[in-house]
Amino acid sequence: MFFAELGSSEEQWRDPVAAMFLAEAILNGLKQPLDRSRVAVGFGGGHYCPKFSDLERDFAFGHICPKYALDLLDESLIREMVEKTADKVDLGILEKNLKERHASLITRTLRKLDIDHIEA
């Protein structure tokens, strides 16, 4: 998982040299051999999910649902997060201090999908 941003203004977004540099960096990274990290989906955290960024050395994250979007989750969306992750999901990671109703829905659904979960 990674996040790549080409600046933060329209001037930077329209810079073809910077855009080419970013695109080449991404493509070169994709050519590197992959190690088999455990694949996880994440629940909680802020917009950039800093807790999950800290865990990137140990887990390859597929989909992440940040805390502000947890009210939109239902069993169907959790299933989609798992099913639409390219590799088999090994683990669900819940940020600590989720509301009980969110944590309960997530853990119940992950159990139905035979996926373990941890709090981080």
PDB file of N, CA and C in Angstrom:
ATOM      1  N   MET A   1       0.841  -1.159   0.000  1.00  0.00           N
ATOM      2  CA  MET A   1       0.000   0.000   0.000  1.00  0.00           C
ATOM      3  C   MET A   1       0.895   1.234   0.000  1.00  0.00           C
ATOM      4  N   PHE A   2       0.489   2.221  -0.743  1.00  0.00           N
ATOM      5  CA  PHE A   2       1.216   3.473  -0.698  1.00  0.00           C
ATOM      6  C   PHE A   2       0.278   4.593  -1.093  1.00  0.00           C
ATOM      7  N   PHE A   3       0.689   5.788  -0.774  1.00  0.00           N
ATOM      8  CA  PHE A   3      -0.050   6.982  -1.141  1.00  0.00           C
ATOM      9  C   PHE A   3       0.923   7.881  -1.869  1.00  0.00           C
ATOM     10  N   ALA A   4       0.586   8.295  -3.065  1.00  0.00           N
ATOM     11  CA  ALA A   4       1.458   9.180  -3.839  1.00  0.00           C
ATOM     12  C   ALA A   4       0.668  10.430  -4.204  1.00  0.00           C
ATOM     13  N   GLU A   5       1.221  11.575  -3.888  1.00  0.00           N
ATOM     14  CA  GLU A   5       0.533  12.828  -4.179  1.00  0.00           C
ATOM     15  C   GLU A   5       1.490  13.729  -4.946  1.00  0.00           C
ATOM     16  N   LEU A   6       0.994  14.307  -5.993  1.00  0.00           N
ATOM     17  CA  LEU A   6       1.791  15.226  -6.798  1.00  0.00           C
ATOM     18  C   LEU A   6       1.488  16.641  -6.334  1.00  0.00           C
ATOM     19  N   GLY A   7       2.171  17.062  -5.286  1.00  0.00           N
ATOM     20  CA  GLY A   7       1.990  18.414  -4.767  1.00  0.00           C
ATOM     21  C   GLY A   7       0.616  18.642  -4.190  1.00  0.00           C
ATOM     22  N   SER A   8       0.319  19.910  -3.940  1.00  0.00           N
ATOM     23  CA  SER A   8      -0.976  20.222  -3.324  1.00  0.00           C
ATOM     24  C   SER A   8      -1.616  21.463  -3.948  1.00  0.00           C
ATOM     25  N   SER A   9      -1.159  21.817  -5.135  1.00  0.00           N
ATOM     26  CA  SER A   9      -1.777  22.955  -5.820  1.00  0.00           C
ATOM     27  C   SER A   9      -1.917  22.632  -7.311  1.00  0.00           C
ATOM     28  N   GLU A  10      -2.743  23.398  -7.994  1.00  0.00           N
ATOM     29  CA  GLU A  10      -2.961  23.163  -9.420  1.00  0.00           C
ATOM     30  C   GLU A  10      -1.668  23.333 -10.221  1.00  0.00           C
ATOM     31  N   GLU A  11      -0.816  24.243  -9.793  1.00  0.00           N
ATOM     32  CA  GLU A  11       0.462  24.437 -10.481  1.00  0.00           C
ATOM     33  C   GLU A  11       1.295  23.148 -10.450  1.00  0.00           C
ATOM     34  N   GLN A  12       1.351  22.514  -9.306  1.00  0.00           N
ATOM     35  CA  GLN A  12       2.112  21.275  -9.180  1.00  0.00           C
ATOM     36  C   GLN A  12       1.424  20.127  -9.921  1.00  0.00           C
ATOM     37  N   TRP A  13       0.113  20.073  -9.872  1.00  0.00           N
ATOM     38  CA  TRP A  13      -0.619  19.007 -10.550  1.00  0.00           C
ATOM     39  C   TRP A  13      -0.397  19.039 -12.059  1.00  0.00           C
ATOM     40  N   ARG A  14      -0.132  20.227 -12.611  1.00  0.00           N
ATOM     41  CA  ARG A  14       0.039  20.386 -14.051  1.00  0.00           C
ATOM     42  C   ARG A  14       1.506  20.324 -14.498  1.00  0.00           C
ATOM     43  N   ASP A  15       2.420  20.039 -13.581  1.00  0.00           N
ATOM     44  CA  ASP A  15       3.847  20.006 -13.885  1.00  0.00           C
ATOM     45  C   ASP A  15       4.197  18.649 -14.515  1.00  0.00           C
ATOM     46  N   PRO A  16       4.447  18.610 -15.844  1.00  0.00           N
ATOM     47  CA  PRO A  16       4.686  17.323 -16.506  1.00  0.00           C
ATOM     48  C   PRO A  16       5.980  16.651 -16.049  1.00  0.00           C
ATOM     49  N   VAL A  17       6.998  17.421 -15.683  1.00  0.00           N
ATOM     50  CA  VAL A  17       8.258  16.823 -15.225  1.00  0.00           C
ATOM     51  C   VAL A  17       8.038  16.113 -13.895  1.00  0.00           C
ATOM     52  N   ALA A  18       7.346  16.779 -12.988  1.00  0.00           N
ATOM     53  CA  ALA A  18       7.063  16.159 -11.687  1.00  0.00           C
ATOM     54  C   ALA A  18       6.159  14.941 -11.851  1.00  0.00           C
ATOM     55  N   ALA A  19       5.162  15.036 -12.726  1.00  0.00           N
ATOM     56  CA  ALA A  19       4.248  13.909 -12.956  1.00  0.00           C
ATOM     57  C   ALA A  19       5.002  12.709 -13.525  1.00  0.00           C
ATOM     58  N   MET A  20       5.908  12.948 -14.449  1.00  0.00           N
ATOM     59  CA  MET A  20       6.683  11.855 -15.033  1.00  0.00           C
ATOM     60  C   MET A  20       7.596  11.230 -13.985  1.00  0.00           C
ATOM     61  N   PHE A  21       8.213  12.047 -13.162  1.00  0.00           N
ATOM     62  CA  PHE A  21       9.086  11.527 -12.104  1.00  0.00           C
ATOM     63  C   PHE A  21       8.294  10.626 -11.158  1.00  0.00           C
ATOM     64  N   LEU A  22       7.111  11.082 -10.744  1.00  0.00           N
ATOM     65  CA  LEU A  22       6.279  10.298  -9.835  1.00  0.00           C
ATOM     66  C   LEU A  22       5.833   8.988 -10.490  1.00  0.00           C
ATOM     67  N   ALA A  23       5.393   9.060 -11.733  1.00  0.00           N
ATOM     68  CA  ALA A  23       4.947   7.861 -12.442  1.00  0.00           C
ATOM     69  C   ALA A  23       6.085   6.855 -12.586  1.00  0.00           C
ATOM     70  N   GLU A  24       7.280   7.323 -12.938  1.00  0.00           N
ATOM     71  CA  GLU A  24       8.429   6.422 -13.084  1.00  0.00           C
ATOM     72  C   GLU A  24       8.820   5.803 -11.751  1.00  0.00           C
ATOM     73  N   ALA A  25       8.743   6.577 -10.674  1.00  0.00           N
ATOM     74  CA  ALA A  25       9.068   6.043  -9.349  1.00  0.00           C
ATOM     75  C   ALA A  25       8.091   4.925  -8.971  1.00  0.00           C
ATOM     76  N   ILE A  26       6.815   5.125  -9.254  1.00  0.00           N
ATOM     77  CA  ILE A  26       5.810   4.101  -8.954  1.00  0.00           C
ATOM     78  C   ILE A  26       6.060   2.858  -9.796  1.00  0.00           C
ATOM     79  N   LEU A  27       6.281   3.026 -11.097  1.00  0.00           N
ATOM     80  CA  LEU A  27       6.518   1.879 -11.975  1.00  0.00           C
ATOM     81  C   LEU A  27       7.780   1.119 -11.588  1.00  0.00           C
ATOM     82  N   ASN A  28       8.844   1.829 -11.222  1.00  0.00           N
ATOM     83  CA  ASN A  28      10.071   1.162 -10.786  1.00  0.00           C
ATOM     84  C   ASN A  28       9.829   0.378  -9.504  1.00  0.00           C
ATOM     85  N   GLY A  29       9.024   0.923  -8.605  1.00  0.00           N
ATOM     86  CA  GLY A  29       8.701   0.209  -7.373  1.00  0.00           C
ATOM     87  C   GLY A  29       7.912  -1.050  -7.638  1.00  0.00           C
ATOM     88  N   LEU A  30       7.022  -1.015  -8.617  1.00  0.00           N
ATOM     89  CA  LEU A  30       6.212  -2.188  -8.945  1.00  0.00           C
ATOM     90  C   LEU A  30       7.036  -3.309  -9.559  1.00  0.00           C
ATOM     91  N   LYS A  31       8.189  -2.975 -10.124  1.00  0.00           N
ATOM     92  CA  LYS A  31       9.048  -3.985 -10.736  1.00  0.00           C
ATOM     93  C   LYS A  31       9.886  -4.745  -9.707  1.00  0.00           C
ATOM     94  N   GLN A  32       9.922  -4.241  -8.470  1.00  0.00           N
ATOM     95  CA  GLN A  32      10.732  -4.890  -7.437  1.00  0.00           C
ATOM     96  C   GLN A  32      10.100  -6.217  -7.035  1.00  0.00           C
ATOM     97  N   PRO A  33      10.934  -7.213  -6.704  1.00  0.00           N
ATOM     98  CA  PRO A  33      10.373  -8.498  -6.278  1.00  0.00           C
ATOM     99  C   PRO A  33       9.543  -8.323  -5.007  1.00  0.00           C
ATOM    100  N   LEU A  34       8.466  -9.076  -4.933  1.00  0.00           N
ATOM    101  CA  LEU A  34       7.578  -8.983  -3.785  1.00  0.00           C
ATOM    102  C   LEU A  34       7.910 -10.045  -2.763  1.00  0.00           C
ATOM    103  N   ASP A  35       7.903  -9.644  -1.497  1.00  0.00           N
ATOM    104  CA  ASP A  35       7.953 -10.648  -0.459  1.00  0.00           C
ATOM    105  C   ASP A  35       6.503 -10.904  -0.043  1.00  0.00           C
ATOM    106  N   ARG A  36       6.251 -11.981   0.564  1.00  0.00           N
ATOM    107  CA  ARG A  36       4.877 -12.335   0.923  1.00  0.00           C
ATOM    108  C   ARG A  36       4.586 -11.833   2.331  1.00  0.00           C
ATOM    109  N   SER A  37       4.088 -10.630   2.419  1.00  0.00           N
ATOM    110  CA  SER A  37       3.642 -10.087   3.691  1.00  0.00           C
ATOM    111  C   SER A  37       2.252 -10.621   3.986  1.00  0.00           C
ATOM    112  N   ARG A  38       1.874 -10.585   5.239  1.00  0.00           N
ATOM    113  CA  ARG A  38       0.500 -10.928   5.582  1.00  0.00           C
ATOM    114  C   ARG A  38      -0.387  -9.810   5.060  1.00  0.00           C
ATOM    115  N   VAL A  39      -1.504 -10.168   4.477  1.00  0.00           N
ATOM    116  CA  VAL A  39      -2.419  -9.198   3.885  1.00  0.00           C
ATOM    117  C   VAL A  39      -3.507  -8.876   4.901  1.00  0.00           C
ATOM    118  N   ALA A  40      -3.780  -7.592   5.065  1.00  0.00           N
ATOM    119  CA  ALA A  40      -4.752  -7.164   6.066  1.00  0.00           C
ATOM    120  C   ALA A  40      -5.718  -6.137   5.483  1.00  0.00           C
ATOM    121  N   VAL A  41      -6.899  -6.056   6.092  1.00  0.00           N
ATOM    122  CA  VAL A  41      -7.814  -4.948   5.872  1.00  0.00           C
ATOM    123  C   VAL A  41      -7.893  -4.206   7.204  1.00  0.00           C
ATOM    124  N   GLY A  42      -8.069  -2.895   7.138  1.00  0.00           N
ATOM    125  CA  GLY A  42      -8.028  -2.091   8.354  1.00  0.00           C
ATOM    126  C   GLY A  42      -9.318  -1.342   8.609  1.00  0.00           C
ATOM    127  N   PHE A  43      -9.575  -1.105   9.900  1.00  0.00           N
ATOM    128  CA  PHE A  43     -10.787  -0.409  10.313  1.00  0.00           C
ATOM    129  C   PHE A  43     -10.427   0.607  11.387  1.00  0.00           C
ATOM    130  N   GLY A  44     -10.733   1.877  11.127  1.00  0.00           N
ATOM    131  CA  GLY A  44     -10.469   2.934  12.093  1.00  0.00           C
ATOM    132  C   GLY A  44      -9.373   3.861  11.616  1.00  0.00           C
ATOM    133  N   GLY A  45      -9.018   4.780  12.462  1.00  0.00           N
ATOM    134  CA  GLY A  45      -7.956   5.720  12.142  1.00  0.00           C
ATOM    135  C   GLY A  45      -8.470   6.951  11.428  1.00  0.00           C
ATOM    136  N   GLY A  46      -7.577   7.909  11.290  1.00  0.00           N
ATOM    137  CA  GLY A  46      -7.924   9.166  10.642  1.00  0.00           C
ATOM    138  C   GLY A  46      -7.857   9.070   9.128  1.00  0.00           C
ATOM    139  N   HIS A  47      -7.907  10.207   8.481  1.00  0.00           N
ATOM    140  CA  HIS A  47      -7.948  10.271   7.020  1.00  0.00           C
ATOM    141  C   HIS A  47      -6.775   9.521   6.388  1.00  0.00           C
ATOM    142  N   TYR A  48      -5.564   9.703   6.914  1.00  0.00           N
ATOM    143  CA  TYR A  48      -4.396   9.016   6.367  1.00  0.00           C
ATOM    144  C   TYR A  48      -4.034   7.765   7.170  1.00  0.00           C
ATOM    145  N   CYS A  49      -4.849   7.429   8.134  1.00  0.00           N
ATOM    146  CA  CYS A  49      -4.692   6.189   8.922  1.00  0.00           C
ATOM    147  C   CYS A  49      -3.257   5.977   9.394  1.00  0.00           C
ATOM    148  N   PRO A  50      -2.726   6.873  10.232  1.00  0.00           N
ATOM    149  CA  PRO A  50      -1.323   6.766  10.638  1.00  0.00           C
ATOM    150  C   PRO A  50      -0.982   5.463  11.362  1.00  0.00           C
ATOM    151  N   LYS A  51      -1.893   4.901  12.115  1.00  0.00           N
ATOM    152  CA  LYS A  51      -1.613   3.634  12.808  1.00  0.00           C
ATOM    153  C   LYS A  51      -1.301   2.540  11.789  1.00  0.00           C
ATOM    154  N   PHE A  52      -2.066   2.493  10.702  1.00  0.00           N
ATOM    155  CA  PHE A  52      -1.837   1.461   9.700  1.00  0.00           C
ATOM    156  C   PHE A  52      -0.549   1.737   8.927  1.00  0.00           C
ATOM    157  N   SER A  53      -0.211   3.003   8.746  1.00  0.00           N
ATOM    158  CA  SER A  53       1.069   3.332   8.104  1.00  0.00           C
ATOM    159  C   SER A  53       2.232   2.789   8.928  1.00  0.00           C
ATOM    160  N   ASP A  54       2.098   2.855  10.253  1.00  0.00           N
ATOM    161  CA  ASP A  54       3.142   2.320  11.134  1.00  0.00           C
ATOM    162  C   ASP A  54       3.290   0.810  10.983  1.00  0.00           C
ATOM    163  N   LEU A  55       2.220   0.131  10.571  1.00  0.00           N
ATOM    164  CA  LEU A  55       2.224  -1.329  10.472  1.00  0.00           C
ATOM    165  C   LEU A  55       2.591  -1.842   9.077  1.00  0.00           C
ATOM    166  N   GLU A  56       2.885  -0.936   8.139  1.00  0.00           N
ATOM    167  CA  GLU A  56       3.157  -1.342   6.757  1.00  0.00           C
ATOM    168  C   GLU A  56       4.370  -2.245   6.613  1.00  0.00           C
ATOM    169  N   ARG A  57       5.271  -2.225   7.567  1.00  0.00           N
ATOM    170  CA  ARG A  57       6.436  -3.119   7.473  1.00  0.00           C
ATOM    171  C   ARG A  57       6.041  -4.577   7.714  1.00  0.00           C
ATOM    172  N   ASP A  58       4.959  -4.767   8.450  1.00  0.00           N
ATOM    173  CA  ASP A  58       4.538  -6.116   8.820  1.00  0.00           C
ATOM    174  C   ASP A  58       3.349  -6.631   8.024  1.00  0.00           C
ATOM    175  N   PHE A  59       2.573  -5.723   7.445  1.00  0.00           N
ATOM    176  CA  PHE A  59       1.350  -6.112   6.753  1.00  0.00           C
ATOM    177  C   PHE A  59       1.217  -5.362   5.435  1.00  0.00           C
ATOM    178  N   ALA A  60       0.666  -6.049   4.441  1.00  0.00           N
ATOM    179  CA  ALA A  60       0.304  -5.406   3.178  1.00  0.00           C
ATOM    180  C   ALA A  60      -1.198  -5.122   3.281  1.00  0.00           C
ATOM    181  N   PHE A  61      -1.553  -3.867   3.363  1.00  0.00           N
ATOM    182  CA  PHE A  61      -2.959  -3.506   3.529  1.00  0.00           C
ATOM    183  C   PHE A  61      -3.671  -3.470   2.191  1.00  0.00           C
ATOM    184  N   GLY A  62      -4.843  -4.064   2.178  1.00  0.00           N
ATOM    185  CA  GLY A  62      -5.751  -3.934   1.054  1.00  0.00           C
ATOM    186  C   GLY A  62      -6.604  -2.710   1.322  1.00  0.00           C
ATOM    187  N   HIS A  63      -7.848  -2.924   1.621  1.00  0.00           N
ATOM    188  CA  HIS A  63      -8.761  -1.812   1.867  1.00  0.00           C
ATOM    189  C   HIS A  63      -8.718  -1.378   3.325  1.00  0.00           C
ATOM    190  N   ILE A  64      -8.944  -0.073   3.535  1.00  0.00           N
ATOM    191  CA  ILE A  64      -9.010   0.502   4.874  1.00  0.00           C
ATOM    192  C   ILE A  64     -10.271   1.349   4.955  1.00  0.00           C
ATOM    193  N   CYS A  65     -11.025   1.176   6.022  1.00  0.00           N
ATOM    194  CA  CYS A  65     -12.185   2.022   6.292  1.00  0.00           C
ATOM    195  C   CYS A  65     -11.825   2.933   7.453  1.00  0.00           C
ATOM    196  N   PRO A  66     -11.618   4.230   7.214  1.00  0.00           N
ATOM    197  CA  PRO A  66     -11.244   5.131   8.300  1.00  0.00           C
ATOM    198  C   PRO A  66     -12.411   5.345   9.267  1.00  0.00           C
ATOM    199  N   LYS A  67     -12.076   5.832  10.443  1.00  0.00           N
ATOM    200  CA  LYS A  67     -13.057   5.993  11.517  1.00  0.00           C
ATOM    201  C   LYS A  67     -14.266   6.825  11.078  1.00  0.00           C
ATOM    202  N   TYR A  68     -14.033   7.884  10.305  1.00  0.00           N
ATOM    203  CA  TYR A  68     -15.144   8.755   9.920  1.00  0.00           C
ATOM    204  C   TYR A  68     -16.157   8.072   9.000  1.00  0.00           C
ATOM    205  N   ALA A  69     -15.800   6.915   8.421  1.00  0.00           N
ATOM    206  CA  ALA A  69     -16.709   6.216   7.507  1.00  0.00           C
ATOM    207  C   ALA A  69     -17.301   4.939   8.114  1.00  0.00           C
ATOM    208  N   LEU A  70     -16.996   4.660   9.373  1.00  0.00           N
ATOM    209  CA  LEU A  70     -17.463   3.412   9.976  1.00  0.00           C
ATOM    210  C   LEU A  70     -18.984   3.305  10.033  1.00  0.00           C
ATOM    211  N   ASP A  71     -19.679   4.429  10.145  1.00  0.00           N
ATOM    212  CA  ASP A  71     -21.142   4.382  10.178  1.00  0.00           C
ATOM    213  C   ASP A  71     -21.731   3.886   8.855  1.00  0.00           C
ATOM    214  N   LEU A  72     -20.959   3.933   7.792  1.00  0.00           N
ATOM    215  CA  LEU A  72     -21.429   3.467   6.482  1.00  0.00           C
ATOM    216  C   LEU A  72     -21.245   1.962   6.297  1.00  0.00           C
ATOM    217  N   LEU A  73     -20.465   1.352   7.178  1.00  0.00           N
ATOM    218  CA  LEU A  73     -20.168  -0.080   7.039  1.00  0.00           C
ATOM    219  C   LEU A  73     -21.383  -0.943   7.347  1.00  0.00           C
ATOM    220  N   ASP A  74     -21.504  -1.993   6.582  1.00  0.00           N
ATOM    221  CA  ASP A  74     -22.421  -3.077   6.899  1.00  0.00           C
ATOM    222  C   ASP A  74     -21.711  -4.361   6.487  1.00  0.00           C
ATOM    223  N   GLU A  75     -22.325  -5.494   6.733  1.00  0.00           N
ATOM    224  CA  GLU A  75     -21.676  -6.766   6.422  1.00  0.00           C
ATOM    225  C   GLU A  75     -21.294  -6.857   4.951  1.00  0.00           C
ATOM    226  N   SER A  76     -22.147  -6.358   4.086  1.00  0.00           N
ATOM    227  CA  SER A  76     -21.893  -6.421   2.651  1.00  0.00           C
ATOM    228  C   SER A  76     -20.621  -5.653   2.266  1.00  0.00           C
ATOM    229  N   LEU A  77     -20.433  -4.474   2.830  1.00  0.00           N
ATOM    230  CA  LEU A  77     -19.237  -3.678   2.504  1.00  0.00           C
ATOM    231  C   LEU A  77     -17.964  -4.320   3.052  1.00  0.00           C
ATOM    232  N   ILE A  78     -18.067  -4.907   4.230  1.00  0.00           N
ATOM    233  CA  ILE A  78     -16.899  -5.585   4.792  1.00  0.00           C
ATOM    234  C   ILE A  78     -16.522  -6.769   3.901  1.00  0.00           C
ATOM    235  N   ARG A  79     -17.531  -7.514   3.452  1.00  0.00           N
ATOM    236  CA  ARG A  79     -17.270  -8.630   2.534  1.00  0.00           C
ATOM    237  C   ARG A  79     -16.589  -8.126   1.252  1.00  0.00           C
ATOM    238  N   GLU A  80     -17.062  -6.998   0.737  1.00  0.00           N
ATOM    239  CA  GLU A  80     -16.450  -6.435  -0.477  1.00  0.00           C
ATOM    240  C   GLU A  80     -15.000  -6.036  -0.235  1.00  0.00           C
ATOM    241  N   MET A  81     -14.719  -5.458   0.941  1.00  0.00           N
ATOM    242  CA  MET A  81     -13.337  -5.093   1.260  1.00  0.00           C
ATOM    243  C   MET A  81     -12.431  -6.313   1.155  1.00  0.00           C
ATOM    244  N   VAL A  82     -12.922  -7.434   1.654  1.00  0.00           N
ATOM    245  CA  VAL A  82     -12.134  -8.672   1.634  1.00  0.00           C
ATOM    246  C   VAL A  82     -12.068  -9.246   0.226  1.00  0.00           C
ATOM    247  N   GLU A  83     -13.213  -9.363  -0.421  1.00  0.00           N
ATOM    248  CA  GLU A  83     -13.274 -10.009  -1.736  1.00  0.00           C
ATOM    249  C   GLU A  83     -12.561  -9.217  -2.824  1.00  0.00           C
ATOM    250  N   LYS A  84     -12.530  -7.890  -2.693  1.00  0.00           N
ATOM    251  CA  LYS A  84     -11.913  -7.065  -3.737  1.00  0.00           C
ATOM    252  C   LYS A  84     -10.457  -6.732  -3.450  1.00  0.00           C
ATOM    253  N   THR A  85      -9.904  -7.339  -2.414  1.00  0.00           N
ATOM    254  CA  THR A  85      -8.467  -7.237  -2.181  1.00  0.00           C
ATOM    255  C   THR A  85      -7.810  -8.277  -3.079  1.00  0.00           C
ATOM    256  N   ALA A  86      -6.794  -7.875  -3.831  1.00  0.00           N
ATOM    257  CA  ALA A  86      -6.201  -8.742  -4.851  1.00  0.00           C
ATOM    258  C   ALA A  86      -5.706 -10.068  -4.277  1.00  0.00           C
ATOM    259  N   ASP A  87      -5.032 -10.036  -3.143  1.00  0.00           N
ATOM    260  CA  ASP A  87      -4.546 -11.262  -2.515  1.00  0.00           C
ATOM    261  C   ASP A  87      -5.502 -11.701  -1.417  1.00  0.00           C
ATOM    262  N   LYS A  88      -5.330 -12.930  -0.970  1.00  0.00           N
ATOM    263  CA  LYS A  88      -6.161 -13.451   0.117  1.00  0.00           C
ATOM    264  C   LYS A  88      -5.891 -12.646   1.384  1.00  0.00           C
ATOM    265  N   VAL A  89      -6.958 -12.194   2.019  1.00  0.00           N
ATOM    266  CA  VAL A  89      -6.828 -11.434   3.261  1.00  0.00           C
ATOM    267  C   VAL A  89      -6.584 -12.397   4.413  1.00  0.00           C
ATOM    268  N   ASP A  90      -5.507 -12.145   5.163  1.00  0.00           N
ATOM    269  CA  ASP A  90      -5.139 -12.991   6.291  1.00  0.00           C
ATOM    270  C   ASP A  90      -5.693 -12.480   7.613  1.00  0.00           C
ATOM    271  N   LEU A  91      -5.933 -11.160   7.694  1.00  0.00           N
ATOM    272  CA  LEU A  91      -6.190 -10.562   8.993  1.00  0.00           C
ATOM    273  C   LEU A  91      -6.978  -9.271   8.861  1.00  0.00           C
ATOM    274  N   GLY A  92      -7.859  -9.028   9.811  1.00  0.00           N
ATOM    275  CA  GLY A  92      -8.506  -7.731   9.957  1.00  0.00           C
ATOM    276  C   GLY A  92      -7.847  -7.018  11.122  1.00  0.00           C
ATOM    277  N   ILE A  93      -7.504  -5.759  10.940  1.00  0.00           N
ATOM    278  CA  ILE A  93      -6.872  -4.992  12.014  1.00  0.00           C
ATOM    279  C   ILE A  93      -7.800  -3.846  12.387  1.00  0.00           C
ATOM    280  N   LEU A  94      -8.228  -3.845  13.637  1.00  0.00           N
ATOM    281  CA  LEU A  94      -9.126  -2.818  14.157  1.00  0.00           C
ATOM    282  C   LEU A  94      -8.323  -1.880  15.035  1.00  0.00           C
ATOM    283  N   GLU A  95      -8.434  -0.595  14.771  1.00  0.00           N
ATOM    284  CA  GLU A  95      -7.780   0.353  15.650  1.00  0.00           C
ATOM    285  C   GLU A  95      -8.472   0.301  17.008  1.00  0.00           C
ATOM    286  N   LYS A  96      -7.692   0.431  18.065  1.00  0.00           N
ATOM    287  CA  LYS A  96      -8.262   0.402  19.414  1.00  0.00           C
ATOM    288  C   LYS A  96      -9.280   1.524  19.571  1.00  0.00           C
ATOM    289  N   ASN A  97     -10.174   1.343  20.486  1.00  0.00           N
ATOM    290  CA  ASN A  97     -11.167   2.354  20.870  1.00  0.00           C
ATOM    291  C   ASN A  97     -12.249   2.594  19.826  1.00  0.00           C
ATOM    292  N   LEU A  98     -12.542   1.586  18.996  1.00  0.00           N
ATOM    293  CA  LEU A  98     -13.703   1.711  18.125  1.00  0.00           C
ATOM    294  C   LEU A  98     -14.951   1.610  18.988  1.00  0.00           C
ATOM    295  N   LYS A  99     -16.028   2.223  18.534  1.00  0.00           N
ATOM    296  CA  LYS A  99     -17.294   2.069  19.239  1.00  0.00           C
ATOM    297  C   LYS A  99     -17.666   0.586  19.223  1.00  0.00           C
ATOM    298  N   GLU A 100     -18.305   0.139  20.295  1.00  0.00           N
ATOM    299  CA  GLU A 100     -18.651  -1.280  20.437  1.00  0.00           C
ATOM    300  C   GLU A 100     -19.483  -1.785  19.265  1.00  0.00           C
ATOM    301  N   ARG A 101     -20.427  -0.974  18.793  1.00  0.00           N
ATOM    302  CA  ARG A 101     -21.281  -1.429  17.691  1.00  0.00           C
ATOM    303  C   ARG A 101     -20.475  -1.639  16.411  1.00  0.00           C
ATOM    304  N   HIS A 102     -19.474  -0.796  16.169  1.00  0.00           N
ATOM    305  CA  HIS A 102     -18.624  -0.974  14.991  1.00  0.00           C
ATOM    306  C   HIS A 102     -17.747  -2.213  15.146  1.00  0.00           C
ATOM    307  N   ALA A 103     -17.084  -2.316  16.295  1.00  0.00           N
ATOM    308  CA  ALA A 103     -16.191  -3.448  16.533  1.00  0.00           C
ATOM    309  C   ALA A 103     -16.957  -4.765  16.461  1.00  0.00           C
ATOM    310  N   SER A 104     -18.155  -4.790  17.006  1.00  0.00           N
ATOM    311  CA  SER A 104     -18.963  -6.006  17.005  1.00  0.00           C
ATOM    312  C   SER A 104     -19.333  -6.428  15.579  1.00  0.00           C
ATOM    313  N   LEU A 105     -19.793  -5.489  14.775  1.00  0.00           N
ATOM    314  CA  LEU A 105     -20.141  -5.779  13.382  1.00  0.00           C
ATOM    315  C   LEU A 105     -18.927  -6.302  12.611  1.00  0.00           C
ATOM    316  N   ILE A 106     -17.802  -5.632  12.773  1.00  0.00           N
ATOM    317  CA  ILE A 106     -16.598  -5.999  12.034  1.00  0.00           C
ATOM    318  C   ILE A 106     -16.113  -7.385  12.453  1.00  0.00           C
ATOM    319  N   THR A 107     -15.989  -7.618  13.753  1.00  0.00           N
ATOM    320  CA  THR A 107     -15.467  -8.912  14.205  1.00  0.00           C
ATOM    321  C   THR A 107     -16.426 -10.050  13.859  1.00  0.00           C
ATOM    322  N   ARG A 108     -17.716  -9.816  13.987  1.00  0.00           N
ATOM    323  CA  ARG A 108     -18.701 -10.847  13.632  1.00  0.00           C
ATOM    324  C   ARG A 108     -18.588 -11.210  12.151  1.00  0.00           C
ATOM    325  N   THR A 109     -18.464 -10.190  11.302  1.00  0.00           N
ATOM    326  CA  THR A 109     -18.366 -10.438   9.861  1.00  0.00           C
ATOM    327  C   THR A 109     -17.056 -11.125   9.505  1.00  0.00           C
ATOM    328  N   LEU A 110     -15.954 -10.692  10.107  1.00  0.00           N
ATOM    329  CA  LEU A 110     -14.666 -11.339   9.830  1.00  0.00           C
ATOM    330  C   LEU A 110     -14.693 -12.803  10.253  1.00  0.00           C
ATOM    331  N   ARG A 111     -15.340 -13.106  11.385  1.00  0.00           N
ATOM    332  CA  ARG A 111     -15.459 -14.509  11.812  1.00  0.00           C
ATOM    333  C   ARG A 111     -16.229 -15.327  10.777  1.00  0.00           C
ATOM    334  N   LYS A 112     -17.309 -14.749  10.232  1.00  0.00           N
ATOM    335  CA  LYS A 112     -18.084 -15.449   9.195  1.00  0.00           C
ATOM    336  C   LYS A 112     -17.217 -15.744   7.975  1.00  0.00           C
ATOM    337  N   LEU A 113     -16.264 -14.861   7.704  1.00  0.00           N
ATOM    338  CA  LEU A 113     -15.381 -15.021   6.557  1.00  0.00           C
ATOM    339  C   LEU A 113     -14.133 -15.832   6.899  1.00  0.00           C
ATOM    340  N   ASP A 114     -14.066 -16.324   8.128  1.00  0.00           N
ATOM    341  CA  ASP A 114     -12.942 -17.117   8.608  1.00  0.00           C
ATOM    342  C   ASP A 114     -11.624 -16.337   8.558  1.00  0.00           C
ATOM    343  N   ILE A 115     -11.701 -15.083   8.987  1.00  0.00           N
ATOM    344  CA  ILE A 115     -10.523 -14.206   9.020  1.00  0.00           C
ATOM    345  C   ILE A 115     -10.294 -13.767  10.457  1.00  0.00           C
ATOM    346  N   ASP A 116      -9.071 -13.973  10.941  1.00  0.00           N
ATOM    347  CA  ASP A 116      -8.714 -13.525  12.280  1.00  0.00           C
ATOM    348  C   ASP A 116      -8.664 -12.008  12.331  1.00  0.00           C
ATOM    349  N   HIS A 117      -8.660 -11.472  13.556  1.00  0.00           N
ATOM    350  CA  HIS A 117      -8.542 -10.028  13.715  1.00  0.00           C
ATOM    351  C   HIS A 117      -7.740  -9.716  14.974  1.00  0.00           C
ATOM    352  N   ILE A 118      -7.135  -8.533  14.962  1.00  0.00           N
ATOM    353  CA  ILE A 118      -6.417  -8.035  16.128  1.00  0.00           C
ATOM    354  C   ILE A 118      -6.760  -6.564  16.295  1.00  0.00           C
ATOM    355  N   GLU A 119      -6.467  -6.039  17.479  1.00  0.00           N
ATOM    356  CA  GLU A 119      -6.549  -4.599  17.715  1.00  0.00           C
ATOM    357  C   GLU A 119      -5.143  -4.039  17.689  1.00  0.00           C
ATOM    358  N   ALA A 120      -5.010  -2.850  17.162  1.00  0.00           N
ATOM    359  CA  ALA A 120      -3.691  -2.216  17.112  1.00  0.00           C
ATOM    360  C   ALA A 120      -3.797  -0.790  17.619  1.00  0.00           C
TER     361      ALA A 120
END
